[in-house]
C-alpha atoms as a PDB file:
ATOM      1  CA  UNK A   1       6.844   2.687 -27.128  1.00  0.00           C
ATOM      2  CA  UNK A   2      10.256   4.229 -26.996  1.00  0.00           C
ATOM      3  CA  UNK A   3      13.247   3.717 -24.674  1.00  0.00           C
ATOM      4  CA  UNK A   4      12.548   3.586 -20.940  1.00  0.00           C
ATOM      5  CA  UNK A   5      14.522   2.569 -17.927  1.00  0.00           C
ATOM      6  CA  UNK A   6      14.281  -1.203 -17.454  1.00  0.00           C
ATOM      7  CA  UNK A   7      12.768  -1.025 -13.964  1.00  0.00           C
ATOM      8  CA  UNK A   8      10.015   1.278 -15.226  1.00  0.00           C
ATOM      9  CA  UNK A   9       9.204  -1.122 -18.017  1.00  0.00           C
ATOM     10  CA  UNK A  10       8.810  -3.946 -15.446  1.00  0.00           C
ATOM     11  CA  UNK A  11       6.633  -1.726 -13.225  1.00  0.00           C
ATOM     12  CA  UNK A  12       4.397  -0.690 -16.181  1.00  0.00           C
ATOM     13  CA  UNK A  13       4.000  -4.289 -17.194  1.00  0.00           C
ATOM     14  CA  UNK A  14       2.619  -5.135 -13.748  1.00  0.00           C
ATOM     15  CA  UNK A  15       5.549  -7.468 -12.878  1.00  0.00           C
ATOM     16  CA  UNK A  16       6.138  -5.709  -9.589  1.00  0.00           C
ATOM     17  CA  UNK A  17       6.233  -2.316  -7.858  1.00  0.00           C
ATOM     18  CA  UNK A  18       9.024   0.065  -8.941  1.00  0.00           C
ATOM     19  CA  UNK A  19      11.123  -0.694  -5.904  1.00  0.00           C
ATOM     20  CA  UNK A  20      10.614  -4.465  -6.374  1.00  0.00           C
ATOM     21  CA  UNK A  21      11.547  -4.157 -10.015  1.00  0.00           C
ATOM     22  CA  UNK A  22      14.746  -2.361  -9.083  1.00  0.00           C
ATOM     23  CA  UNK A  23      15.633  -5.239  -6.798  1.00  0.00           C
ATOM     24  CA  UNK A  24      14.979  -7.703  -9.626  1.00  0.00           C
ATOM     25  CA  UNK A  25      17.307  -5.824 -11.855  1.00  0.00           C
ATOM     26  CA  UNK A  26      20.089  -5.591  -9.274  1.00  0.00           C
ATOM     27  CA  UNK A  27      19.757  -9.358  -8.534  1.00  0.00           C
ATOM     28  CA  UNK A  28      20.422 -10.148 -12.229  1.00  0.00           C
ATOM     29  CA  UNK A  29      17.021 -11.663 -12.822  1.00  0.00           C
ATOM     30  CA  UNK A  30      16.333  -9.561 -15.988  1.00  0.00           C
ATOM     31  CA  UNK A  31      17.639 -10.247 -19.486  1.00  0.00           C
ATOM     32  CA  UNK A  32      17.419  -8.010 -22.594  1.00  0.00           C
ATOM     33  CA  UNK A  33      18.147  -9.578 -25.957  1.00  0.00           C
ATOM     34  CA  UNK A  34      19.888 -12.531 -24.352  1.00  0.00           C
ATOM     35  CA  UNK A  35      22.132 -10.507 -22.026  1.00  0.00           C
ATOM     36  CA  UNK A  36      21.772 -10.093 -18.241  1.00  0.00           C
ATOM     37  CA  UNK A  37      21.001  -6.471 -17.250  1.00  0.00           C
ATOM     38  CA  UNK A  38      21.879  -5.504 -13.665  1.00  0.00           C
ATOM     39  CA  UNK A  39      22.192  -1.730 -14.017  1.00  0.00           C
ATOM     40  CA  UNK A  40      19.194   0.465 -13.133  1.00  0.00           C
ATOM     41  CA  UNK A  41      20.158   3.059 -15.782  1.00  0.00           C
ATOM     42  CA  UNK A  42      19.806   0.510 -18.670  1.00  0.00           C
ATOM     43  CA  UNK A  43      17.101   1.552 -21.168  1.00  0.00           C
ATOM     44  CA  UNK A  44      15.065  -0.669 -23.455  1.00  0.00           C
ATOM     45  CA  UNK A  45      12.026  -0.673 -25.710  1.00  0.00           C
ATOM     46  CA  UNK A  46       9.403  -3.260 -24.848  1.00  0.00           C
ATOM     47  CA  UNK A  47       7.926  -3.087 -28.371  1.00  0.00           C
ATOM     48  CA  UNK A  48      11.272  -3.994 -29.986  1.00  0.00           C
ATOM     49  CA  UNK A  49      13.486  -5.710 -27.395  1.00  0.00           C
ATOM     50  CA  UNK A  50      13.319  -9.269 -26.174  1.00  0.00           C
ATOM     51  CA  UNK A  51      12.968  -8.902 -22.427  1.00  0.00           C
ATOM     52  CA  UNK A  52      12.887 -11.771 -19.928  1.00  0.00           C
ATOM     53  CA  UNK A  53      12.308 -11.823 -16.134  1.00  0.00           C
ATOM     54  CA  UNK A  54      13.203 -15.020 -14.321  1.00  0.00           C
ATOM     55  CA  UNK A  55      13.424 -16.754 -17.695  1.00  0.00           C
ATOM     56  CA  UNK A  56       9.906 -15.698 -18.704  1.00  0.00           C
ATOM     57  CA  UNK A  57       9.301 -13.472 -21.717  1.00  0.00           C
ATOM     58  CA  UNK A  58       7.791 -10.079 -20.981  1.00  0.00           C
ATOM     59  CA  UNK A  59       5.168  -8.902 -23.383  1.00  0.00           C
ATOM     60  CA  UNK A  60       3.200  -5.640 -23.739  1.00  0.00           C
ATOM     61  CA  UNK A  61       1.515  -4.456 -20.532  1.00  0.00           C
ATOM     62  CA  UNK A  62      -1.797  -5.886 -19.433  1.00  0.00           C
ATOM     63  CA  UNK A  63      -4.663  -3.415 -19.048  1.00  0.00           C
ATOM     64  CA  UNK A  64      -4.273  -1.441 -15.879  1.00  0.00           C
ATOM     65  CA  UNK A  65      -6.520  -2.707 -13.069  1.00  0.00           C
ATOM     66  CA  UNK A  66      -6.889  -1.415  -9.457  1.00  0.00           C
ATOM     67  CA  UNK A  67      -9.127  -3.208  -7.019  1.00  0.00           C
ATOM     68  CA  UNK A  68     -10.546  -2.355  -3.572  1.00  0.00           C
ATOM     69  CA  UNK A  69     -10.752  -5.394  -1.234  1.00  0.00           C
ATOM     70  CA  UNK A  70     -12.385  -5.493   2.192  1.00  0.00           C
ATOM     71  CA  UNK A  71      -9.761  -7.694   3.695  1.00  0.00           C
ATOM     72  CA  UNK A  72     -11.044 -10.024   6.427  1.00  0.00           C
ATOM     73  CA  UNK A  73      -9.176 -10.646   9.671  1.00  0.00           C
ATOM     74  CA  UNK A  74      -6.669 -13.529   9.919  1.00  0.00           C
ATOM     75  CA  UNK A  75      -5.689 -13.235   6.241  1.00  0.00           C
ATOM     76  CA  UNK A  76      -2.286 -12.215   4.923  1.00  0.00           C
ATOM     77  CA  UNK A  77      -1.988  -9.297   2.565  1.00  0.00           C
ATOM     78  CA  UNK A  78       0.689 -11.044   0.503  1.00  0.00           C
ATOM     79  CA  UNK A  79       0.660 -12.968  -2.807  1.00  0.00           C
ATOM     80  CA  UNK A  80       1.602 -16.313  -1.220  1.00  0.00           C
ATOM     81  CA  UNK A  81       2.635 -17.790   2.111  1.00  0.00           C
ATOM     82  CA  UNK A  82       5.149 -20.606   2.512  1.00  0.00           C
ATOM     83  CA  UNK A  83       3.250 -21.763   5.632  1.00  0.00           C
ATOM     84  CA  UNK A  84       0.046 -22.198   3.696  1.00  0.00           C
ATOM     85  CA  UNK A  85      -1.966 -19.570   5.573  1.00  0.00           C
ATOM     86  CA  UNK A  86      -4.808 -17.862   3.745  1.00  0.00           C
ATOM     87  CA  UNK A  87      -3.857 -14.799   1.627  1.00  0.00           C
ATOM     88  CA  UNK A  88      -5.794 -12.041  -0.025  1.00  0.00           C
ATOM     89  CA  UNK A  89      -5.142 -13.784  -3.409  1.00  0.00           C
ATOM     90  CA  UNK A  90      -7.471 -16.564  -2.330  1.00  0.00           C
ATOM     91  CA  UNK A  91     -10.292 -14.046  -2.435  1.00  0.00           C
ATOM     92  CA  UNK A  92      -9.612 -12.931  -6.037  1.00  0.00           C
ATOM     93  CA  UNK A  93     -10.643 -16.031  -7.898  1.00  0.00           C
ATOM     94  CA  UNK A  94     -12.517 -14.165 -10.621  1.00  0.00           C
ATOM     95  CA  UNK A  95      -9.741 -11.662 -11.414  1.00  0.00           C
ATOM     96  CA  UNK A  96      -8.294 -12.169 -14.876  1.00  0.00           C
ATOM     97  CA  UNK A  97      -5.141 -10.059 -14.513  1.00  0.00           C
ATOM     98  CA  UNK A  98      -2.375 -10.419 -11.984  1.00  0.00           C
ATOM     99  CA  UNK A  99      -2.609  -7.826  -9.259  1.00  0.00           C
ATOM    100  CA  UNK A 100      -0.433  -7.178  -6.201  1.00  0.00           C
ATOM    101  CA  UNK A 101      -1.301  -5.670  -2.760  1.00  0.00           C
ATOM    102  CA  UNK A 102      -0.373  -2.000  -2.299  1.00  0.00           C
ATOM    103  CA  UNK A 103       1.503  -2.149   1.003  1.00  0.00           C
ATOM    104  CA  UNK A 104       0.304  -4.460   3.729  1.00  0.00           C
ATOM    105  CA  UNK A 105      -2.420  -4.672   6.325  1.00  0.00           C
ATOM    106  CA  UNK A 106      -1.831  -6.614   9.549  1.00  0.00           C
ATOM    107  CA  UNK A 107      -2.802 -10.273   9.602  1.00  0.00           C
ATOM    108  CA  UNK A 108      -5.458  -9.658  12.302  1.00  0.00           C
ATOM    109  CA  UNK A 109      -6.666  -6.364  10.873  1.00  0.00           C
ATOM    110  CA  UNK A 110      -9.508  -5.850   8.327  1.00  0.00           C
ATOM    111  CA  UNK A 111     -10.674  -3.353   5.879  1.00  0.00           C
ATOM    112  CA  UNK A 112      -9.294  -1.395   2.909  1.00  0.00           C
ATOM    113  CA  UNK A 113      -6.590  -3.110   0.847  1.00  0.00           C
ATOM    114  CA  UNK A 114      -5.858  -1.820  -2.674  1.00  0.00           C
ATOM    115  CA  UNK A 115      -4.434  -4.224  -5.221  1.00  0.00           C
ATOM    116  CA  UNK A 116      -3.139  -3.232  -8.636  1.00  0.00           C
ATOM    117  CA  UNK A 117      -1.015  -4.323 -11.602  1.00  0.00           C
ATOM    118  CA  UNK A 118       0.100  -0.728 -12.100  1.00  0.00           C
ATOM    119  CA  UNK A 119       3.596  -0.653 -10.590  1.00  0.00           C
ATOM    120  CA  UNK A 120       3.941   3.133 -10.842  1.00  0.00           C
ATOM    121  CA  UNK A 121       0.657   3.644  -8.989  1.00  0.00           C
ATOM    122  CA  UNK A 122       1.602   1.082  -6.319  1.00  0.00           C
ATOM    123  CA  UNK A 123       4.909   2.952  -5.794  1.00  0.00           C
ATOM    124  CA  UNK A 124       3.170   6.345  -5.475  1.00  0.00           C
ATOM    125  CA  UNK A 125       0.548   5.075  -3.128  1.00  0.00           C
ATOM    126  CA  UNK A 126       3.000   3.382  -0.784  1.00  0.00           C
ATOM    127  CA  UNK A 127       6.167   5.504  -0.835  1.00  0.00           C
ATOM    128  CA  UNK A 128       6.481   7.810   2.262  1.00  0.00           C
ATOM    129  CA  UNK A 129       7.392  10.845   0.125  1.00  0.00           C
ATOM    130  CA  UNK A 130       3.796  10.994  -1.207  1.00  0.00           C
ATOM    131  CA  UNK A 131       2.316  10.906   2.336  1.00  0.00           C
ATOM    132  CA  UNK A 132      -0.984   9.305   1.285  1.00  0.00           C
ATOM    133  CA  UNK A 133      -3.293   9.239   4.327  1.00  0.00           C
ATOM    134  CA  UNK A 134      -4.635   6.007   5.713  1.00  0.00           C
ATOM    135  CA  UNK A 135      -7.680   6.168   7.937  1.00  0.00           C
ATOM    136  CA  UNK A 136      -8.210   3.535  10.701  1.00  0.00           C
ATOM    137  CA  UNK A 137     -10.776   2.671  13.318  1.00  0.00           C
ATOM    138  CA  UNK A 138      -9.114   1.131  16.345  1.00  0.00           C
ATOM    139  CA  UNK A 139     -10.802  -0.532  19.288  1.00  0.00           C
ATOM    140  CA  UNK A 140      -8.505   0.521  22.132  1.00  0.00           C
ATOM    141  CA  UNK A 141      -8.169  -0.797  25.695  1.00  0.00           C
ATOM    142  CA  UNK A 142      -9.001   1.858  28.171  1.00  0.00           C
ATOM    143  CA  UNK A 143      -9.913   5.504  27.480  1.00  0.00           C
ATOM    144  CA  UNK A 144      -6.948   7.662  26.368  1.00  0.00           C
ATOM    145  CA  UNK A 145      -6.894  11.152  27.891  1.00  0.00           C
ATOM    146  CA  UNK A 146      -6.840  14.194  25.653  1.00  0.00           C
ATOM    147  CA  UNK A 147      -3.216  14.833  26.525  1.00  0.00           C
ATOM    148  CA  UNK A 148      -2.358  11.283  25.437  1.00  0.00           C
ATOM    149  CA  UNK A 149      -4.016  11.804  22.039  1.00  0.00           C
ATOM    150  CA  UNK A 150      -2.127  15.080  21.707  1.00  0.00           C
ATOM    151  CA  UNK A 151       1.085  13.241  22.191  1.00  0.00           C
ATOM    152  CA  UNK A 152       0.190  11.119  19.144  1.00  0.00           C
ATOM    153  CA  UNK A 153      -0.319  14.291  17.134  1.00  0.00           C
ATOM    154  CA  UNK A 154       2.970  15.832  18.304  1.00  0.00           C
ATOM    155  CA  UNK A 155       4.885  12.639  17.693  1.00  0.00           C
ATOM    156  CA  UNK A 156       6.231   9.726  19.781  1.00  0.00           C
ATOM    157  CA  UNK A 157       9.560   7.946  19.472  1.00  0.00           C
ATOM    158  CA  UNK A 158       9.271   4.318  18.300  1.00  0.00           C
ATOM    159  CA  UNK A 159      12.069   1.770  17.806  1.00  0.00           C
ATOM    160  CA  UNK A 160      12.377   2.757  14.136  1.00  0.00           C
ATOM    161  CA  UNK A 161      12.101   6.502  14.592  1.00  0.00           C
ATOM    162  CA  UNK A 162       9.558   9.176  15.401  1.00  0.00           C
ATOM    163  CA  UNK A 163       5.986   8.759  14.226  1.00  0.00           C
ATOM    164  CA  UNK A 164       2.738  10.710  14.585  1.00  0.00           C
ATOM    165  CA  UNK A 165      -0.816  10.772  13.529  1.00  0.00           C
ATOM    166  CA  UNK A 166      -2.317  13.405  11.133  1.00  0.00           C
ATOM    167  CA  UNK A 167      -5.532  13.408  13.262  1.00  0.00           C
ATOM    168  CA  UNK A 168      -7.080  11.364  16.043  1.00  0.00           C
ATOM    169  CA  UNK A 169     -10.355  11.440  17.873  1.00  0.00           C
ATOM    170  CA  UNK A 170     -12.641   9.207  19.907  1.00  0.00           C
ATOM    171  CA  UNK A 171     -15.610   7.833  17.959  1.00  0.00           C
ATOM    172  CA  UNK A 172     -17.408   5.851  20.674  1.00  0.00           C
ATOM    173  CA  UNK A 173     -16.653   5.406  24.321  1.00  0.00           C
ATOM    174  CA  UNK A 174     -17.622   2.385  26.516  1.00  0.00           C
ATOM    175  CA  UNK A 175     -16.754   1.586  30.156  1.00  0.00           C
ATOM    176  CA  UNK A 176     -13.460  -0.212  29.551  1.00  0.00           C
ATOM    177  CA  UNK A 177     -12.569   0.577  25.974  1.00  0.00           C
ATOM    178  CA  UNK A 178     -13.315   2.955  23.125  1.00  0.00           C
ATOM    179  CA  UNK A 179     -13.220   3.160  19.328  1.00  0.00           C
ATOM    180  CA  UNK A 180     -10.856   5.756  17.942  1.00  0.00           C
ATOM    181  CA  UNK A 181     -10.344   7.121  14.440  1.00  0.00           C
ATOM    182  CA  UNK A 182      -6.724   7.713  13.572  1.00  0.00           C
ATOM    183  CA  UNK A 183      -5.202   8.958  10.271  1.00  0.00           C
ATOM    184  CA  UNK A 184      -1.562   8.343   9.491  1.00  0.00           C
ATOM    185  CA  UNK A 185       0.389   9.347   6.380  1.00  0.00           C
ATOM    186  CA  UNK A 186       2.797   6.398   6.171  1.00  0.00           C
ATOM    187  CA  UNK A 187       2.683   2.595   6.146  1.00  0.00           C
ATOM    188  CA  UNK A 188       5.227   1.319   8.644  1.00  0.00           C
ATOM    189  CA  UNK A 189       4.604  -2.127  10.007  1.00  0.00           C
ATOM    190  CA  UNK A 190       2.089  -2.301  12.871  1.00  0.00           C
ATOM    191  CA  UNK A 191       2.204   1.455  13.075  1.00  0.00           C
ATOM    192  CA  UNK A 192      -1.204   2.073  14.668  1.00  0.00           C
ATOM    193  CA  UNK A 193      -0.713  -0.672  17.252  1.00  0.00           C
ATOM    194  CA  UNK A 194       2.738   0.671  18.147  1.00  0.00           C
ATOM    195  CA  UNK A 195       1.573   4.276  18.388  1.00  0.00           C
ATOM    196  CA  UNK A 196      -1.169   3.433  20.867  1.00  0.00           C
ATOM    197  CA  UNK A 197       1.135   1.067  22.780  1.00  0.00           C
ATOM    198  CA  UNK A 198       3.478   4.061  23.198  1.00  0.00           C
ATOM    199  CA  UNK A 199       0.830   5.903  25.134  1.00  0.00           C
ATOM    200  CA  UNK A 200      -0.076   2.824  27.227  1.00  0.00           C
ATOM    201  CA  UNK A 201      -3.154   1.503  25.361  1.00  0.00           C
ATOM    202  CA  UNK A 202      -3.358  -1.813  23.501  1.00  0.00           C
ATOM    203  CA  UNK A 203      -5.252  -2.088  20.198  1.00  0.00           C
ATOM    204  CA  UNK A 204      -7.845  -4.851  20.473  1.00  0.00           C
ATOM    205  CA  UNK A 205      -9.293  -4.525  16.975  1.00  0.00           C
ATOM    206  CA  UNK A 206      -8.139  -2.674  13.865  1.00  0.00           C
ATOM    207  CA  UNK A 207     -10.026  -1.749  10.729  1.00  0.00           C
ATOM    208  CA  UNK A 208      -8.790   0.403   7.846  1.00  0.00           C
ATOM    209  CA  UNK A 209     -11.625   2.337   6.446  1.00  0.00           C
ATOM    210  CA  UNK A 210      -9.876   4.699   4.010  1.00  0.00           C
ATOM    211  CA  UNK A 211      -6.836   4.932   1.820  1.00  0.00           C
ATOM    212  CA  UNK A 212      -6.448   8.402   0.427  1.00  0.00           C
ATOM    213  CA  UNK A 213      -9.798   9.338  -1.109  1.00  0.00           C
ATOM    214  CA  UNK A 214     -10.841   5.658  -1.396  1.00  0.00           C
ATOM    215  CA  UNK A 215     -13.418   4.709   1.293  1.00  0.00           C
ATOM    216  CA  UNK A 216     -14.580   1.226   2.363  1.00  0.00           C
ATOM    217  CA  UNK A 217     -18.247   2.183   2.801  1.00  0.00           C
ATOM    218  CA  UNK A 218     -20.527  -0.822   2.398  1.00  0.00           C
ATOM    219  CA  UNK A 219     -18.331  -3.301   0.651  1.00  0.00           C
ATOM    220  CA  UNK A 220     -18.884  -6.714   2.407  1.00  0.00           C
ATOM    221  CA  UNK A 221     -16.004  -8.399   4.185  1.00  0.00           C
ATOM    222  CA  UNK A 222     -14.007 -10.646   1.790  1.00  0.00           C
ATOM    223  CA  UNK A 223     -15.515  -8.937  -1.295  1.00  0.00           C
ATOM    224  CA  UNK A 224     -13.717  -6.762  -3.870  1.00  0.00           C
ATOM    225  CA  UNK A 225     -14.623  -4.376  -6.672  1.00  0.00           C
ATOM    226  CA  UNK A 226     -12.810  -2.377  -9.295  1.00  0.00           C
ATOM    227  CA  UNK A 227     -12.227   1.251  -8.596  1.00  0.00           C
ATOM    228  CA  UNK A 228     -14.421   3.593 -10.606  1.00  0.00           C
ATOM    229  CA  UNK A 229     -13.071   6.103 -13.093  1.00  0.00           C
ATOM    230  CA  UNK A 230     -13.887   8.892 -10.665  1.00  0.00           C
ATOM    231  CA  UNK A 231     -12.052   7.129  -7.851  1.00  0.00           C
ATOM    232  CA  UNK A 232      -8.987   6.673 -10.081  1.00  0.00           C
ATOM    233  CA  UNK A 233      -8.993  10.321 -11.002  1.00  0.00           C
ATOM    234  CA  UNK A 234      -9.251  11.371  -7.359  1.00  0.00           C
ATOM    235  CA  UNK A 235      -6.316   9.065  -6.458  1.00  0.00           C
ATOM    236  CA  UNK A 236      -4.170  10.513  -9.260  1.00  0.00           C
ATOM    237  CA  UNK A 237      -5.155  14.009  -8.264  1.00  0.00           C
ATOM    238  CA  UNK A 238      -4.108  13.458  -4.686  1.00  0.00           C
ATOM    239  CA  UNK A 239      -0.797  11.973  -5.851  1.00  0.00           C
ATOM    240  CA  UNK A 240      -0.141  14.934  -8.106  1.00  0.00           C
ATOM    241  CA  UNK A 241      -1.100  17.411  -5.354  1.00  0.00           C
ATOM    242  CA  UNK A 242       1.348  15.663  -2.987  1.00  0.00           C
ATOM    243  CA  UNK A 243       4.043  15.759  -5.629  1.00  0.00           C
ATOM    244  CA  UNK A 244       3.544  19.511  -6.227  1.00  0.00           C
ATOM    245  CA  UNK A 245       3.521  20.278  -2.469  1.00  0.00           C
ATOM    246  CA  UNK A 246       6.782  18.289  -2.117  1.00  0.00           C
ATOM    247  CA  UNK A 247       8.415  20.329  -4.912  1.00  0.00           C
ATOM    248  CA  UNK A 248       7.305  23.633  -3.368  1.00  0.00           C
ATOM    249  CA  UNK A 249       8.551  22.614   0.152  1.00  0.00           C
ATOM    250  CA  UNK A 250      12.033  21.935  -1.346  1.00  0.00           C
ATOM    251  CA  UNK A 251      12.266  25.321  -2.949  1.00  0.00           C
END
């Protein structure tokens, strides 16, 4: 397989995302041929070296698997919860390989959640530099005026910095609330709720209906399916396009 940086080996093996793998290395949880490795520049060969993570031997990577789950409300998008609350892993009983959520979706939100054992893919889908669009439908208290929606497009200041939507429009309008489609290109915690709160409107319900080119469509709540080859190609094409545009913008 050849020499690779240790964190990349861990990510390829589905142990964790690239960033989580880097943290594991820096915390001294990785051993290569009996010696602790805590430097991110260290290189190894999984086909030749004896690699352990948390005292467990690392073998050749499992087959790559990426799933689309229609996450129900009141379910954590984490692997486990110390308080014993339901997590998305409880819904994946038939999955043979270990997979991990790509980013997070609010506890009380529903809809698209991708899970994968491909650490590189998880990193690319969640890292801000790739700006992968996430599409949400939000039930919002009151009816935002056009100028308020324009504020969201121009950008509003939140406690952790400026944020904006890529696009936003009203889908359906009732007397005291409306449904709005909003697209953002980052995954900050509670971002949609905080954006609408910044313009004076509470989010009553939240559903993610798209992640990049992957759409929820008719997948029932609580059910999952494997991404098709065509969907995987479209994901990778979007990632590559984002990478190329990032390179051009730096020139």
